[in-house]
Amino acid sequence: MATLRSYGILDTPPEPRFDDIARLAAVICGAPVAVVSFADAERHWYKARVGLGIEEVAWSHSSCSYVVENDLDELVVRDLAADPRFGHHGGALGAPVCRFYAGVAMRAPSGVMIGTVCIADVAARVGGLTPAQLGALHALARHAMALVWARTMIVDPAAAL
């Protein structure tokens, strides 16, 4: 949490560069939902989002929490409803209920995970994502992290020292 808070990004207004990352994730993966999500102590807050009308979700109802808690670089869940780890998440993201999830870690230069770039779909996806789609999500997560770092240089140049 200290690393995330040091970036001063939580609860800030939308920024077009982060919105672009969510839009690209949705298009590349053919998904109706995409977010740039930051993992706070009790919630996942969405800096950018496509296909969702909410700005955050409780930690206990977020598939991204599993990525963070298990320090995973990526997670693809082909059918959330059929996976015992996520069956209780059901409508956590609101209507429509998400059935497919793919998320990749955003890591600070120190290796600490501060959030995810993820996509979701209302239909289960037996095939998951292609290697190219998953690779693109990783690239977008790296770009999101670079934007976070660059943002601190603009807002408070001393914060990056």
N, C-alpha and C. Protein backbone atom coordinates (compact mmCIF):
# COMPACT_ATOMS: atom_id res chain seq x y z
N MET A 1 0.81 -1.20 0.00
CA MET A 1 0.00 0.00 0.00
C MET A 1 0.85 1.26 0.00
N ALA A 2 1.99 1.21 0.69
CA ALA A 2 2.84 2.40 0.77
C ALA A 2 3.34 2.79 -0.62
N THR A 3 3.71 1.80 -1.43
CA THR A 3 4.19 2.11 -2.78
C THR A 3 3.09 2.75 -3.60
N LEU A 4 1.90 2.17 -3.56
CA LEU A 4 0.77 2.73 -4.31
C LEU A 4 0.48 4.15 -3.84
N ARG A 5 0.40 4.34 -2.55
CA ARG A 5 0.08 5.67 -2.03
C ARG A 5 1.15 6.71 -2.37
N SER A 6 2.40 6.26 -2.49
CA SER A 6 3.47 7.20 -2.82
C SER A 6 3.30 7.80 -4.21
N TYR A 7 2.56 7.14 -5.06
CA TYR A 7 2.33 7.66 -6.41
C TYR A 7 1.23 8.72 -6.46
N GLY A 8 0.42 8.82 -5.41
CA GLY A 8 -0.61 9.84 -5.36
C GLY A 8 -1.64 9.75 -6.47
N ILE A 9 -1.95 8.55 -6.89
CA ILE A 9 -2.88 8.39 -8.01
C ILE A 9 -4.29 8.02 -7.59
N LEU A 10 -4.45 7.47 -6.39
CA LEU A 10 -5.79 7.05 -5.94
C LEU A 10 -6.75 8.22 -5.91
N ASP A 11 -7.96 7.95 -6.40
CA ASP A 11 -9.07 8.91 -6.36
C ASP A 11 -8.79 10.20 -7.13
N THR A 12 -7.95 10.11 -8.15
CA THR A 12 -7.71 11.26 -9.01
C THR A 12 -8.69 11.23 -10.19
N PRO A 13 -8.91 12.38 -10.82
CA PRO A 13 -9.85 12.42 -11.95
C PRO A 13 -9.35 11.57 -13.13
N PRO A 14 -10.26 11.24 -14.03
CA PRO A 14 -9.86 10.50 -15.23
C PRO A 14 -8.78 11.26 -16.01
N GLU A 15 -7.94 10.49 -16.69
CA GLU A 15 -6.89 11.06 -17.53
C GLU A 15 -6.92 10.32 -18.87
N PRO A 16 -6.93 11.06 -19.97
CA PRO A 16 -7.06 10.42 -21.29
C PRO A 16 -6.05 9.32 -21.56
N ARG A 17 -4.83 9.45 -21.10
CA ARG A 17 -3.81 8.42 -21.38
C ARG A 17 -4.16 7.09 -20.72
N PHE A 18 -4.71 7.13 -19.53
CA PHE A 18 -5.15 5.89 -18.87
C PHE A 18 -6.42 5.36 -19.53
N ASP A 19 -7.32 6.28 -19.90
CA ASP A 19 -8.54 5.87 -20.63
C ASP A 19 -8.17 5.13 -21.91
N ASP A 20 -7.13 5.63 -22.60
CA ASP A 20 -6.67 4.98 -23.84
C ASP A 20 -6.25 3.53 -23.57
N ILE A 21 -5.58 3.29 -22.47
CA ILE A 21 -5.14 1.94 -22.15
C ILE A 21 -6.34 1.02 -21.96
N ALA A 22 -7.35 1.47 -21.25
CA ALA A 22 -8.55 0.65 -21.06
C ALA A 22 -9.24 0.40 -22.40
N ARG A 23 -9.35 1.44 -23.24
CA ARG A 23 -9.98 1.26 -24.56
C ARG A 23 -9.21 0.27 -25.42
N LEU A 24 -7.89 0.40 -25.42
CA LEU A 24 -7.08 -0.52 -26.21
C LEU A 24 -7.22 -1.96 -25.71
N ALA A 25 -7.24 -2.15 -24.40
CA ALA A 25 -7.41 -3.49 -23.84
C ALA A 25 -8.73 -4.10 -24.30
N ALA A 26 -9.79 -3.31 -24.26
CA ALA A 26 -11.11 -3.79 -24.69
C ALA A 26 -11.10 -4.17 -26.16
N VAL A 27 -10.53 -3.32 -26.99
CA VAL A 27 -10.51 -3.58 -28.44
C VAL A 27 -9.64 -4.79 -28.76
N ILE A 28 -8.44 -4.83 -28.24
CA ILE A 28 -7.51 -5.92 -28.52
C ILE A 28 -8.09 -7.27 -28.12
N CYS A 29 -8.77 -7.30 -26.99
CA CYS A 29 -9.31 -8.56 -26.47
C CYS A 29 -10.77 -8.80 -26.86
N GLY A 30 -11.36 -7.86 -27.58
CA GLY A 30 -12.76 -8.02 -27.97
C GLY A 30 -13.67 -8.15 -26.77
N ALA A 31 -13.41 -7.33 -25.76
CA ALA A 31 -14.14 -7.43 -24.49
C ALA A 31 -14.99 -6.19 -24.24
N PRO A 32 -16.17 -6.37 -23.66
CA PRO A 32 -17.01 -5.22 -23.35
C PRO A 32 -16.58 -4.45 -22.10
N VAL A 33 -15.71 -5.06 -21.29
CA VAL A 33 -15.26 -4.43 -20.04
C VAL A 33 -13.74 -4.46 -19.99
N ALA A 34 -13.15 -3.31 -19.63
CA ALA A 34 -11.71 -3.24 -19.42
C ALA A 34 -11.44 -2.16 -18.39
N VAL A 35 -10.46 -2.39 -17.53
CA VAL A 35 -10.12 -1.41 -16.49
C VAL A 35 -8.63 -1.35 -16.24
N VAL A 36 -8.21 -0.18 -15.79
CA VAL A 36 -6.90 0.01 -15.18
C VAL A 36 -7.22 0.17 -13.70
N SER A 37 -6.84 -0.83 -12.91
CA SER A 37 -7.29 -0.95 -11.53
C SER A 37 -6.12 -0.84 -10.57
N PHE A 38 -6.32 -0.06 -9.50
CA PHE A 38 -5.30 0.06 -8.46
C PHE A 38 -5.80 -0.61 -7.19
N ALA A 39 -4.92 -1.41 -6.57
CA ALA A 39 -5.27 -2.24 -5.42
C ALA A 39 -5.01 -1.50 -4.12
N ASP A 40 -6.07 -0.92 -3.57
CA ASP A 40 -5.99 -0.27 -2.26
C ASP A 40 -6.29 -1.32 -1.20
N ALA A 41 -6.17 -0.97 0.06
CA ALA A 41 -6.32 -1.93 1.15
C ALA A 41 -7.68 -2.62 1.18
N GLU A 42 -8.74 -1.92 0.87
CA GLU A 42 -10.08 -2.49 0.99
C GLU A 42 -10.86 -2.51 -0.31
N ARG A 43 -10.24 -2.06 -1.41
CA ARG A 43 -10.97 -1.95 -2.66
C ARG A 43 -10.02 -1.97 -3.85
N HIS A 44 -10.61 -2.15 -5.00
CA HIS A 44 -9.92 -1.93 -6.26
C HIS A 44 -10.58 -0.70 -6.87
N TRP A 45 -9.76 0.32 -7.10
CA TRP A 45 -10.25 1.58 -7.64
C TRP A 45 -9.86 1.64 -9.10
N TYR A 46 -10.81 2.04 -9.94
CA TYR A 46 -10.60 2.06 -11.38
C TYR A 46 -10.21 3.46 -11.85
N LYS A 47 -8.97 3.61 -12.22
CA LYS A 47 -8.48 4.88 -12.77
C LYS A 47 -9.09 5.09 -14.15
N ALA A 48 -9.25 4.01 -14.89
CA ALA A 48 -9.86 4.07 -16.22
C ALA A 48 -10.74 2.85 -16.39
N ARG A 49 -11.82 3.02 -17.11
CA ARG A 49 -12.74 1.89 -17.29
C ARG A 49 -13.54 2.04 -18.58
N VAL A 50 -13.85 0.90 -19.16
CA VAL A 50 -14.72 0.80 -20.32
C VAL A 50 -15.79 -0.21 -19.94
N GLY A 51 -17.04 0.12 -20.18
CA GLY A 51 -18.13 -0.83 -19.96
C GLY A 51 -18.59 -0.99 -18.53
N LEU A 52 -18.12 -0.14 -17.64
CA LEU A 52 -18.55 -0.18 -16.24
C LEU A 52 -19.00 1.21 -15.81
N GLY A 53 -20.03 1.25 -14.99
CA GLY A 53 -20.50 2.52 -14.47
C GLY A 53 -20.05 2.78 -13.04
N ILE A 54 -19.17 1.95 -12.53
CA ILE A 54 -18.71 2.10 -11.15
C ILE A 54 -17.23 2.46 -11.14
N GLU A 55 -16.79 3.12 -10.08
CA GLU A 55 -15.39 3.55 -9.97
C GLU A 55 -14.54 2.63 -9.10
N GLU A 56 -15.18 1.76 -8.35
CA GLU A 56 -14.43 0.86 -7.47
C GLU A 56 -15.29 -0.34 -7.13
N VAL A 57 -14.62 -1.36 -6.61
CA VAL A 57 -15.31 -2.55 -6.13
C VAL A 57 -14.59 -3.01 -4.87
N ALA A 58 -15.34 -3.56 -3.94
CA ALA A 58 -14.76 -4.05 -2.69
C ALA A 58 -13.73 -5.13 -2.98
N TRP A 59 -12.66 -5.16 -2.20
CA TRP A 59 -11.58 -6.12 -2.35
C TRP A 59 -12.12 -7.54 -2.45
N SER A 60 -13.08 -7.88 -1.59
CA SER A 60 -13.61 -9.24 -1.53
C SER A 60 -14.44 -9.62 -2.75
N HIS A 61 -14.80 -8.67 -3.59
CA HIS A 61 -15.62 -8.96 -4.76
C HIS A 61 -14.87 -8.74 -6.07
N SER A 62 -13.58 -8.63 -6.01
CA SER A 62 -12.79 -8.34 -7.21
C SER A 62 -11.93 -9.53 -7.61
N SER A 63 -12.02 -9.92 -8.85
CA SER A 63 -11.14 -10.96 -9.36
C SER A 63 -9.69 -10.50 -9.34
N CYS A 64 -9.48 -9.21 -9.47
CA CYS A 64 -8.12 -8.65 -9.43
C CYS A 64 -7.46 -8.92 -8.07
N SER A 65 -8.27 -9.03 -7.02
CA SER A 65 -7.72 -9.31 -5.69
C SER A 65 -6.94 -10.61 -5.67
N TYR A 66 -7.43 -11.60 -6.42
CA TYR A 66 -6.75 -12.88 -6.47
C TYR A 66 -5.37 -12.73 -7.09
N VAL A 67 -5.26 -11.89 -8.12
CA VAL A 67 -3.98 -11.64 -8.77
C VAL A 67 -3.01 -11.03 -7.75
N VAL A 68 -3.48 -10.03 -7.01
CA VAL A 68 -2.63 -9.33 -6.05
C VAL A 68 -2.26 -10.24 -4.88
N GLU A 69 -3.25 -10.89 -4.29
CA GLU A 69 -3.00 -11.74 -3.12
C GLU A 69 -2.02 -12.87 -3.41
N ASN A 70 -2.05 -13.37 -4.62
CA ASN A 70 -1.20 -14.49 -5.00
C ASN A 70 0.03 -14.06 -5.79
N ASP A 71 0.24 -12.76 -5.89
CA ASP A 71 1.40 -12.17 -6.57
C ASP A 71 1.62 -12.79 -7.95
N LEU A 72 0.53 -12.85 -8.72
CA LEU A 72 0.58 -13.43 -10.06
C LEU A 72 0.91 -12.36 -11.08
N ASP A 73 1.61 -12.74 -12.13
CA ASP A 73 1.84 -11.80 -13.23
C ASP A 73 0.63 -11.74 -14.14
N GLU A 74 -0.14 -12.82 -14.18
CA GLU A 74 -1.34 -12.86 -15.02
C GLU A 74 -2.31 -13.89 -14.48
N LEU A 75 -3.56 -13.69 -14.83
CA LEU A 75 -4.60 -14.65 -14.48
C LEU A 75 -5.66 -14.61 -15.57
N VAL A 76 -6.01 -15.79 -16.08
CA VAL A 76 -7.09 -15.91 -17.04
C VAL A 76 -8.08 -16.92 -16.47
N VAL A 77 -9.32 -16.49 -16.30
CA VAL A 77 -10.37 -17.38 -15.79
C VAL A 77 -11.43 -17.47 -16.88
N ARG A 78 -11.53 -18.63 -17.47
CA ARG A 78 -12.41 -18.81 -18.63
C ARG A 78 -13.89 -18.74 -18.29
N ASP A 79 -14.25 -19.15 -17.07
CA ASP A 79 -15.64 -19.08 -16.64
C ASP A 79 -15.67 -18.83 -15.13
N LEU A 80 -15.90 -17.59 -14.76
CA LEU A 80 -15.91 -17.21 -13.35
C LEU A 80 -16.96 -17.98 -12.56
N ALA A 81 -18.12 -18.22 -13.17
CA ALA A 81 -19.20 -18.91 -12.47
C ALA A 81 -18.85 -20.36 -12.16
N ALA A 82 -18.04 -20.98 -12.99
CA ALA A 82 -17.68 -22.39 -12.79
C ALA A 82 -16.42 -22.56 -11.95
N ASP A 83 -15.72 -21.48 -11.66
CA ASP A 83 -14.48 -21.55 -10.90
C ASP A 83 -14.78 -21.31 -9.42
N PRO A 84 -14.49 -22.28 -8.55
CA PRO A 84 -14.84 -22.14 -7.13
C PRO A 84 -14.16 -20.94 -6.44
N ARG A 85 -13.07 -20.46 -7.00
CA ARG A 85 -12.40 -19.29 -6.42
C ARG A 85 -13.22 -18.01 -6.61
N PHE A 86 -14.11 -18.00 -7.61
CA PHE A 86 -14.78 -16.75 -7.98
C PHE A 86 -16.29 -16.83 -8.06
N GLY A 87 -16.89 -17.96 -7.81
CA GLY A 87 -18.34 -18.11 -7.93
C GLY A 87 -19.13 -17.08 -7.14
N HIS A 88 -18.60 -16.67 -5.99
CA HIS A 88 -19.30 -15.71 -5.14
C HIS A 88 -19.19 -14.28 -5.66
N HIS A 89 -18.36 -14.04 -6.68
CA HIS A 89 -18.21 -12.69 -7.20
C HIS A 89 -19.38 -12.26 -8.07
N GLY A 90 -20.08 -13.23 -8.65
CA GLY A 90 -21.26 -13.01 -9.45
C GLY A 90 -21.45 -11.64 -10.04
N GLY A 91 -22.26 -10.82 -9.41
CA GLY A 91 -22.58 -9.51 -9.94
C GLY A 91 -21.78 -8.39 -9.33
N ALA A 92 -20.60 -8.70 -8.84
CA ALA A 92 -19.81 -7.68 -8.15
C ALA A 92 -19.53 -6.46 -9.01
N LEU A 93 -19.40 -6.68 -10.30
CA LEU A 93 -19.13 -5.55 -11.19
C LEU A 93 -20.41 -4.93 -11.71
N GLY A 94 -21.55 -5.41 -11.23
CA GLY A 94 -22.83 -4.86 -11.67
C GLY A 94 -23.31 -5.57 -12.92
N ALA A 95 -24.49 -5.20 -13.36
CA ALA A 95 -25.06 -5.82 -14.56
C ALA A 95 -24.32 -5.29 -15.78
N PRO A 96 -24.06 -6.09 -16.74
CA PRO A 96 -24.29 -7.53 -16.77
C PRO A 96 -23.23 -8.29 -15.96
N VAL A 97 -23.58 -9.49 -15.56
CA VAL A 97 -22.67 -10.31 -14.77
C VAL A 97 -21.51 -10.76 -15.66
N CYS A 98 -20.31 -10.61 -15.17
CA CYS A 98 -19.12 -11.01 -15.93
C CYS A 98 -18.86 -12.50 -15.73
N ARG A 99 -18.53 -13.17 -16.82
CA ARG A 99 -18.24 -14.61 -16.77
C ARG A 99 -16.79 -14.91 -17.08
N PHE A 100 -16.13 -14.04 -17.84
CA PHE A 100 -14.74 -14.25 -18.22
C PHE A 100 -13.90 -13.12 -17.66
N TYR A 101 -12.68 -13.46 -17.22
CA TYR A 101 -11.77 -12.46 -16.66
C TYR A 101 -10.35 -12.76 -17.10
N ALA A 102 -9.62 -11.72 -17.45
CA ALA A 102 -8.19 -11.83 -17.69
C ALA A 102 -7.55 -10.56 -17.15
N GLY A 103 -6.53 -10.72 -16.32
CA GLY A 103 -5.86 -9.57 -15.75
C GLY A 103 -4.36 -9.80 -15.66
N VAL A 104 -3.61 -8.71 -15.80
CA VAL A 104 -2.16 -8.77 -15.67
C VAL A 104 -1.70 -7.71 -14.68
N ALA A 105 -0.60 -8.00 -14.03
CA ALA A 105 -0.09 -7.15 -12.96
C ALA A 105 0.57 -5.88 -13.49
N MET A 106 0.36 -4.79 -12.75
CA MET A 106 1.13 -3.57 -12.92
C MET A 106 2.09 -3.54 -11.74
N ARG A 107 3.38 -3.51 -12.05
CA ARG A 107 4.39 -3.55 -11.00
C ARG A 107 5.25 -2.30 -11.01
N ALA A 108 5.51 -1.80 -9.81
CA ALA A 108 6.43 -0.68 -9.65
C ALA A 108 7.83 -1.18 -10.00
N PRO A 109 8.78 -0.28 -10.27
CA PRO A 109 10.15 -0.71 -10.57
C PRO A 109 10.75 -1.62 -9.49
N SER A 110 10.29 -1.49 -8.27
CA SER A 110 10.78 -2.34 -7.18
C SER A 110 10.22 -3.76 -7.25
N GLY A 111 9.24 -3.99 -8.14
CA GLY A 111 8.60 -5.29 -8.25
C GLY A 111 7.29 -5.40 -7.50
N VAL A 112 6.97 -4.39 -6.69
CA VAL A 112 5.73 -4.40 -5.93
C VAL A 112 4.54 -4.19 -6.87
N MET A 113 3.54 -5.04 -6.73
CA MET A 113 2.34 -4.91 -7.55
C MET A 113 1.45 -3.81 -6.97
N ILE A 114 1.02 -2.90 -7.82
CA ILE A 114 0.12 -1.83 -7.36
C ILE A 114 -1.26 -1.91 -7.99
N GLY A 115 -1.43 -2.79 -8.97
CA GLY A 115 -2.73 -2.91 -9.60
C GLY A 115 -2.69 -3.84 -10.79
N THR A 116 -3.74 -3.74 -11.61
CA THR A 116 -3.85 -4.62 -12.77
C THR A 116 -4.45 -3.86 -13.96
N VAL A 117 -4.19 -4.39 -15.13
CA VAL A 117 -4.95 -4.04 -16.32
C VAL A 117 -5.72 -5.31 -16.63
N CYS A 118 -7.04 -5.19 -16.71
CA CYS A 118 -7.83 -6.40 -16.90
C CYS A 118 -9.01 -6.16 -17.83
N ILE A 119 -9.51 -7.27 -18.34
CA ILE A 119 -10.70 -7.24 -19.18
C ILE A 119 -11.67 -8.28 -18.65
N ALA A 120 -12.93 -8.10 -19.01
CA ALA A 120 -13.96 -9.07 -18.62
C ALA A 120 -15.00 -9.14 -19.72
N ASP A 121 -15.71 -10.25 -19.74
CA ASP A 121 -16.75 -10.45 -20.75
C ASP A 121 -17.97 -11.07 -20.07
N VAL A 122 -19.12 -10.84 -20.66
CA VAL A 122 -20.37 -11.38 -20.12
C VAL A 122 -20.54 -12.86 -20.46
N ALA A 123 -19.74 -13.36 -21.40
CA ALA A 123 -19.81 -14.76 -21.78
C ALA A 123 -18.51 -15.46 -21.38
N ALA A 124 -18.64 -16.71 -20.97
CA ALA A 124 -17.45 -17.52 -20.71
C ALA A 124 -16.70 -17.68 -22.03
N ARG A 125 -15.39 -17.82 -21.94
CA ARG A 125 -14.57 -18.01 -23.14
C ARG A 125 -13.75 -19.27 -22.98
N VAL A 126 -14.20 -20.32 -23.63
CA VAL A 126 -13.52 -21.60 -23.54
C VAL A 126 -12.07 -21.47 -24.01
N GLY A 127 -11.84 -20.69 -25.05
CA GLY A 127 -10.50 -20.53 -25.58
C GLY A 127 -9.65 -19.51 -24.84
N GLY A 128 -10.23 -18.77 -23.90
CA GLY A 128 -9.47 -17.77 -23.16
C GLY A 128 -9.03 -16.63 -24.06
N LEU A 129 -7.76 -16.27 -24.00
CA LEU A 129 -7.17 -15.24 -24.86
C LEU A 129 -6.08 -15.89 -25.72
N THR A 130 -5.82 -15.29 -26.85
CA THR A 130 -4.71 -15.76 -27.67
C THR A 130 -3.41 -15.30 -27.00
N PRO A 131 -2.30 -15.94 -27.32
CA PRO A 131 -1.01 -15.46 -26.78
C PRO A 131 -0.76 -13.99 -27.14
N ALA A 132 -1.16 -13.58 -28.33
CA ALA A 132 -0.97 -12.18 -28.74
C ALA A 132 -1.80 -11.23 -27.88
N GLN A 133 -3.03 -11.61 -27.57
CA GLN A 133 -3.88 -10.77 -26.72
C GLN A 133 -3.30 -10.66 -25.32
N LEU A 134 -2.87 -11.78 -24.77
CA LEU A 134 -2.29 -11.77 -23.43
C LEU A 134 -0.99 -10.95 -23.41
N GLY A 135 -0.19 -11.09 -24.44
CA GLY A 135 1.02 -10.29 -24.55
C GLY A 135 0.72 -8.80 -24.63
N ALA A 136 -0.35 -8.46 -25.35
CA ALA A 136 -0.75 -7.06 -25.46
C ALA A 136 -1.21 -6.51 -24.11
N LEU A 137 -1.91 -7.32 -23.33
CA LEU A 137 -2.31 -6.87 -21.98
C LEU A 137 -1.08 -6.60 -21.12
N HIS A 138 -0.08 -7.44 -21.22
CA HIS A 138 1.16 -7.21 -20.48
C HIS A 138 1.81 -5.90 -20.93
N ALA A 139 1.84 -5.66 -22.23
CA ALA A 139 2.42 -4.41 -22.75
C ALA A 139 1.64 -3.21 -22.24
N LEU A 140 0.32 -3.30 -22.24
CA LEU A 140 -0.50 -2.20 -21.74
C LEU A 140 -0.27 -1.96 -20.25
N ALA A 141 -0.08 -3.03 -19.49
CA ALA A 141 0.20 -2.88 -18.05
C ALA A 141 1.54 -2.17 -17.84
N ARG A 142 2.52 -2.51 -18.65
CA ARG A 142 3.81 -1.82 -18.54
C ARG A 142 3.66 -0.33 -18.89
N HIS A 143 2.86 -0.05 -19.91
CA HIS A 143 2.63 1.35 -20.28
C HIS A 143 1.87 2.09 -19.19
N ALA A 144 0.89 1.43 -18.58
CA ALA A 144 0.15 2.06 -17.48
C ALA A 144 1.10 2.39 -16.34
N MET A 145 2.01 1.47 -16.03
CA MET A 145 2.96 1.72 -14.95
C MET A 145 3.90 2.87 -15.33
N ALA A 146 4.30 2.94 -16.58
CA ALA A 146 5.14 4.05 -17.02
C ALA A 146 4.40 5.38 -16.89
N LEU A 147 3.11 5.38 -17.18
CA LEU A 147 2.31 6.59 -17.02
C LEU A 147 2.22 7.00 -15.55
N VAL A 148 2.06 6.02 -14.67
CA VAL A 148 2.01 6.32 -13.24
C VAL A 148 3.31 6.99 -12.82
N TRP A 149 4.41 6.40 -13.23
CA TRP A 149 5.71 6.95 -12.86
C TRP A 149 5.91 8.34 -13.47
N ALA A 150 5.58 8.50 -14.74
CA ALA A 150 5.74 9.80 -15.41
C ALA A 150 4.86 10.85 -14.75
N ARG A 151 3.68 10.43 -14.33
CA ARG A 151 2.76 11.36 -13.66
C ARG A 151 3.37 11.91 -12.38
N THR A 152 4.10 11.08 -11.66
CA THR A 152 4.73 11.57 -10.43
C THR A 152 5.84 12.57 -10.74
N MET A 153 6.48 12.38 -11.87
CA MET A 153 7.54 13.32 -12.26
C MET A 153 6.96 14.70 -12.56
N ILE A 154 5.75 14.71 -13.12
CA ILE A 154 5.10 15.97 -13.48
C ILE A 154 4.50 16.62 -12.23
N VAL A 155 3.81 15.81 -11.40
CA VAL A 155 3.13 16.34 -10.22
C VAL A 155 4.12 16.72 -9.14
N ASP A 156 5.06 15.82 -8.88
CA ASP A 156 6.03 16.07 -7.81
C ASP A 156 7.36 15.42 -8.19
N PRO A 157 8.23 16.18 -8.88
CA PRO A 157 9.49 15.59 -9.34
C PRO A 157 10.31 14.97 -8.22
N ALA A 158 10.21 15.46 -7.02
CA ALA A 158 10.99 14.91 -5.90
C ALA A 158 10.50 13.53 -5.50
N ALA A 159 9.25 13.19 -5.82
CA ALA A 159 8.69 11.90 -5.41
C ALA A 159 9.39 10.73 -6.09
N ALA A 160 9.98 10.94 -7.24
CA ALA A 160 10.62 9.86 -7.96
C ALA A 160 12.04 9.60 -7.50
N LEU A 161 12.59 10.45 -6.65
CA LEU A 161 13.98 10.26 -6.20
C LEU A 161 14.09 9.17 -5.16
